[in-house]
Amino acid sequence: MKRLRIIVSGRVQGVGFRWAAQKIARQLGVHGYVRNLPNGDVEIVAEGDDSAVDNMITWARKGPTWSRVDHLQLHDLPGPAEHDEFEVRP
């Protein structure tokens, strides 16, 4: 089980990034959430099997078609899983 906070920088707001992240997370069986941050970045909290979260990271490095990902920050989160689905937050 892996829990990560992923901060995605670049052109990632206003391009459908959150909705695409939700779709791929659900396909992979990853739980958590995605939300826009005030500074223009997107935050993803991803929880799930190691391989599923790794695949989510791989996807986040590219993002959806209209996005441009410049940088990814990965932060391990301690403790047990806190989410039972993947949601889009404002």
Protein backbone atom coordinates (compact mmCIF):
# COMPACT_ATOMS: atom_id res chain seq x y z
CA MET A 1 0.00 0.00 0.00
CA LYS A 2 1.34 3.40 -0.99
CA ARG A 3 0.13 6.89 -0.03
CA LEU A 4 1.51 9.94 -1.82
CA ARG A 5 0.88 13.65 -2.18
CA ILE A 6 1.73 14.68 -5.73
CA ILE A 7 2.10 18.34 -6.66
CA VAL A 8 1.87 18.95 -10.41
CA SER A 9 3.17 22.24 -11.85
CA GLY A 10 2.79 23.68 -15.33
CA ARG A 11 -0.32 24.42 -17.39
CA VAL A 12 -2.53 22.15 -15.31
CA GLN A 13 -5.56 24.27 -14.43
CA GLY A 14 -8.36 24.98 -16.90
CA VAL A 15 -7.38 22.05 -19.12
CA GLY A 16 -9.46 19.22 -17.64
CA PHE A 17 -6.59 17.88 -15.52
CA ARG A 18 -8.71 17.11 -12.44
CA TRP A 19 -11.41 15.26 -14.37
CA ALA A 20 -8.84 13.26 -16.34
CA ALA A 21 -7.03 12.42 -13.09
CA GLN A 22 -10.27 11.14 -11.59
CA LYS A 23 -10.94 8.97 -14.63
CA ILE A 24 -7.48 7.38 -14.64
CA ALA A 25 -7.47 6.94 -10.85
CA ARG A 26 -10.76 5.07 -11.00
CA GLN A 27 -9.45 2.87 -13.81
CA LEU A 28 -6.34 2.07 -11.76
CA GLY A 29 -8.21 1.55 -8.48
CA VAL A 30 -6.46 4.50 -6.81
CA HIS A 31 -8.32 6.34 -4.04
CA GLY A 32 -7.83 9.90 -2.81
CA TYR A 33 -8.56 13.25 -4.42
CA VAL A 34 -7.36 15.91 -6.82
CA ARG A 35 -7.76 19.66 -6.38
CA ASN A 36 -6.52 22.97 -7.73
CA LEU A 37 -4.14 24.97 -5.56
CA PRO A 38 -4.22 28.79 -5.38
CA ASN A 39 -0.74 29.07 -6.94
CA GLY A 40 -1.84 27.34 -10.18
CA ASP A 41 -0.57 23.87 -9.30
CA VAL A 42 -2.68 20.75 -8.88
CA GLU A 43 -2.51 18.51 -5.82
CA ILE A 44 -3.20 14.78 -6.05
CA VAL A 45 -3.45 12.54 -3.01
CA ALA A 46 -3.14 8.96 -4.24
CA GLU A 47 -3.64 5.83 -2.15
CA GLY A 48 -3.54 2.25 -3.35
CA ASP A 49 -1.43 -0.69 -4.40
CA ASP A 50 2.17 0.25 -5.16
CA SER A 51 1.85 -0.51 -8.88
CA ALA A 52 -1.44 1.41 -9.20
CA VAL A 53 0.01 4.52 -7.52
CA ASP A 54 3.17 4.20 -9.63
CA ASN A 55 0.98 4.14 -12.75
CA MET A 56 -0.83 7.24 -11.48
CA ILE A 57 2.54 8.99 -11.12
CA THR A 58 3.49 7.99 -14.67
CA TRP A 59 0.21 9.43 -15.94
CA ALA A 60 0.64 12.65 -13.89
CA ARG A 61 4.05 13.28 -15.50
CA LYS A 62 2.23 13.81 -18.83
CA GLY A 63 -1.34 14.69 -17.84
CA PRO A 64 -4.21 15.01 -20.30
CA THR A 65 -3.79 16.21 -23.88
CA TRP A 66 -4.26 19.95 -23.26
CA SER A 67 -1.99 20.17 -20.22
CA ARG A 68 1.73 20.81 -19.95
CA VAL A 69 3.44 19.30 -16.93
CA ASP A 70 6.67 21.09 -16.05
CA HIS A 71 7.43 19.59 -12.65
CA LEU A 72 6.22 16.90 -10.27
CA GLN A 73 6.86 16.79 -6.51
CA LEU A 74 6.28 13.54 -4.64
CA HIS A 75 5.74 13.40 -0.88
CA ASP A 76 5.13 10.18 1.06
CA LEU A 77 2.15 10.33 3.41
CA PRO A 78 2.31 8.37 6.66
CA GLY A 79 -0.46 6.28 8.12
CA PRO A 80 -3.26 4.15 6.78
CA ALA A 81 -5.47 4.96 3.79
CA GLU A 82 -8.09 7.63 4.48
CA HIS A 83 -10.19 7.50 1.30
CA ASP A 84 -12.52 4.90 -0.18
CA GLU A 85 -12.93 6.56 -3.60
CA PHE A 86 -11.27 9.19 -5.78
CA GLU A 87 -12.91 12.59 -5.88
CA VAL A 88 -12.46 15.93 -7.57
CA ARG A 89 -12.27 18.82 -5.14
CA PRO A 90 -12.52 22.51 -6.01
